[in-house]
Amino acid sequence: MSREIKLLVNDRQYVVACHDSRTLLEVLREDLGLTGTKKSCDEGDCGACTVLLGGKPVNACLILAIHAQDQAITTIEGLGHGAQPHPLQQAFIEQGAVQCGYCTPGMILSAKALLDVNASPAEGEIRTALSGNLCRCTGYVRIVKAVQAAAVKLSE
């Protein structure tokens, strides 16, 4: 069954005609053109599709779009951009935490959710918060350093 749904994405209201079986990932990428949210495993294993739903990191490939109504959705496009990147985005660049970049949006959003509730996380807490996000390029060391650097910057 198809219906009209309202989504609040990156502080902007959207109305989308949507079949009940469509995932949030499909709607974000295909209908709203927000391709920073990556499609990868489609099984919730890799974290490439991580977005914030009500401030919590979720795998957009596992959430039906109709269930995301009435909740604030944040994608990587909703953070800083261009000449004014978010401190996490800047730290990922400065720490060399980006290689192929496919996992980066999900990593950054998972890290943001952590830093929103814990301004000064220990390394183990960072690793736990990022454990749902797989990276096949970096080995995580620089990613963890980037989150630590962003935490310092955000606390200034």
Protein backbone atom coordinates (compact mmCIF):
# COMPACT_ATOMS: atom_id res chain seq x y z
CA MET A 1 0.00 0.00 0.00
CA SER A 2 1.26 3.48 -0.86
CA ARG A 3 0.63 6.55 1.27
CA GLU A 4 1.85 10.07 1.76
CA ILE A 5 4.28 10.42 4.66
CA LYS A 6 5.94 13.41 6.29
CA LEU A 7 9.61 13.24 7.20
CA LEU A 8 11.68 15.81 9.08
CA VAL A 9 15.15 15.47 7.58
CA ASN A 10 17.99 17.82 8.49
CA ASP A 11 15.48 20.29 9.97
CA ARG A 12 13.47 20.38 6.74
CA GLN A 13 9.98 18.92 6.30
CA TYR A 14 9.37 16.62 3.31
CA VAL A 15 6.17 15.02 2.06
CA VAL A 16 6.79 11.82 0.12
CA ALA A 17 4.49 9.33 -1.59
CA CYS A 18 5.81 6.08 -0.24
CA HIS A 19 4.96 2.40 -0.37
CA ASP A 20 4.74 0.84 3.10
CA SER A 21 7.65 -1.52 2.35
CA ARG A 22 10.21 1.15 1.41
CA THR A 23 13.11 1.68 3.74
CA LEU A 24 14.28 5.00 5.06
CA LEU A 25 17.50 4.45 3.10
CA GLU A 26 15.60 4.13 -0.18
CA VAL A 27 13.55 7.26 0.46
CA LEU A 28 16.55 9.33 1.54
CA ARG A 29 18.64 8.37 -1.48
CA GLU A 30 16.04 7.94 -4.23
CA ASP A 31 13.34 10.45 -3.35
CA LEU A 32 15.21 13.14 -1.44
CA GLY A 33 18.56 12.87 -3.26
CA LEU A 34 20.51 12.59 0.00
CA THR A 35 23.15 10.20 -1.27
CA GLY A 36 25.59 10.76 1.58
CA THR A 37 23.76 7.92 3.32
CA LYS A 38 25.40 4.92 1.68
CA LYS A 39 23.80 1.68 0.52
CA SER A 40 25.97 -1.33 1.12
CA CYS A 41 24.97 -4.59 2.79
CA ASP A 42 21.21 -3.92 3.07
CA GLU A 43 21.23 -6.16 6.17
CA GLY A 44 22.24 -3.79 8.97
CA ASP A 45 25.70 -5.30 9.32
CA CYS A 46 28.02 -2.60 7.97
CA GLY A 47 26.71 0.76 9.23
CA ALA A 48 27.29 2.55 5.92
CA CYS A 49 23.66 3.69 5.98
CA THR A 50 23.76 5.06 9.53
CA VAL A 51 21.61 8.13 10.16
CA LEU A 52 20.44 9.70 13.38
CA LEU A 53 16.79 9.07 14.17
CA GLY A 54 15.71 11.07 17.18
CA GLY A 55 19.40 11.60 17.91
CA LYS A 56 20.20 7.88 17.98
CA PRO A 57 22.24 6.08 15.31
CA VAL A 58 20.20 3.61 13.28
CA ASN A 59 20.73 1.60 10.11
CA ALA A 60 18.46 3.28 7.57
CA CYS A 61 18.34 0.04 5.57
CA LEU A 62 16.43 -1.62 8.44
CA ILE A 63 13.94 1.16 9.22
CA LEU A 64 10.76 1.46 7.21
CA ALA A 65 10.27 5.05 6.09
CA ILE A 66 6.73 5.09 7.53
CA HIS A 67 8.21 4.36 10.97
CA ALA A 68 10.50 7.38 10.77
CA GLN A 69 7.64 9.87 10.76
CA ASP A 70 7.43 12.29 13.69
CA GLN A 71 11.14 11.90 14.48
CA ALA A 72 14.03 14.15 13.57
CA ILE A 73 16.29 12.49 11.00
CA THR A 74 19.86 13.70 10.54
CA THR A 75 21.97 12.61 7.59
CA ILE A 76 25.57 13.56 6.87
CA GLU A 77 24.22 16.41 4.72
CA GLY A 78 22.66 17.86 7.88
CA LEU A 79 26.02 18.48 9.52
CA GLY A 80 28.47 21.19 8.49
CA HIS A 81 29.54 21.37 4.88
CA GLY A 82 31.75 23.16 2.41
CA ALA A 83 33.62 26.03 4.00
CA GLN A 84 32.12 25.26 7.43
CA PRO A 85 32.48 21.55 8.15
CA HIS A 86 31.29 20.10 11.45
CA PRO A 87 34.22 19.56 13.87
CA LEU A 88 33.89 15.79 13.34
CA GLN A 89 34.14 16.20 9.57
CA GLN A 90 37.15 18.47 9.97
CA ALA A 91 38.83 16.07 12.41
CA PHE A 92 38.34 13.13 10.02
CA ILE A 93 40.12 15.16 7.33
CA GLU A 94 42.91 16.38 9.59
CA GLN A 95 43.56 12.96 11.15
CA GLY A 96 43.57 11.15 7.79
CA ALA A 97 40.58 9.04 8.90
CA VAL A 98 39.14 9.00 5.39
CA GLN A 99 40.40 6.63 2.75
CA CYS A 100 37.78 5.38 0.33
CA GLY A 101 35.20 7.38 2.30
CA TYR A 102 32.33 4.94 1.96
CA CYS A 103 32.00 4.31 5.70
CA THR A 104 32.75 7.90 6.70
CA PRO A 105 29.20 9.33 6.84
CA GLY A 106 28.02 6.50 9.09
CA MET A 107 31.14 6.72 11.25
CA ILE A 108 30.72 10.47 11.69
CA LEU A 109 27.04 10.20 12.60
CA SER A 110 27.70 7.39 15.09
CA ALA A 111 30.47 9.50 16.60
CA LYS A 112 28.17 12.53 16.76
CA ALA A 113 25.57 10.54 18.67
CA LEU A 114 28.28 9.50 21.14
CA LEU A 115 29.67 13.02 21.59
CA ASP A 116 26.16 14.40 22.06
CA VAL A 117 25.81 12.30 25.25
CA ASN A 118 29.46 11.95 26.28
CA ALA A 119 31.65 14.98 25.62
CA SER A 120 34.87 13.25 26.66
CA PRO A 121 34.67 9.54 25.85
CA ALA A 122 37.48 7.10 26.56
CA GLU A 123 38.99 5.19 23.65
CA GLY A 124 37.01 2.07 24.56
CA GLU A 125 33.77 4.03 24.57
CA ILE A 126 34.55 5.42 21.12
CA ARG A 127 35.32 1.96 19.78
CA THR A 128 32.08 0.61 21.27
CA ALA A 129 30.05 3.47 19.76
CA LEU A 130 31.60 2.80 16.35
CA SER A 131 31.35 -0.99 16.57
CA GLY A 132 28.34 -1.09 14.24
CA ASN A 133 30.30 0.68 11.50
CA LEU A 134 32.69 -1.36 9.42
CA CYS A 135 35.71 0.10 7.65
CA ARG A 136 37.78 -2.01 5.32
CA CYS A 137 40.45 0.63 4.67
CA THR A 138 41.73 2.44 7.74
CA GLY A 139 42.09 -0.04 10.59
CA TYR A 140 40.15 2.36 12.88
CA VAL A 141 43.19 3.95 14.59
CA ARG A 142 42.86 7.25 12.74
CA ILE A 143 39.08 7.17 13.06
CA VAL A 144 39.34 6.91 16.84
CA LYS A 145 41.93 9.71 16.86
CA ALA A 146 39.57 11.86 14.79
CA VAL A 147 36.74 11.36 17.27
CA GLN A 148 39.09 12.20 20.15
CA ALA A 149 40.27 15.36 18.35
CA ALA A 150 36.67 16.41 17.62
CA ALA A 151 35.73 15.87 21.28
CA VAL A 152 38.50 18.26 22.32
CA LYS A 153 37.45 20.83 19.69
CA LEU A 154 33.78 20.62 20.66
CA SER A 155 34.58 21.12 24.35
CA GLU A 156 36.53 24.36 23.71
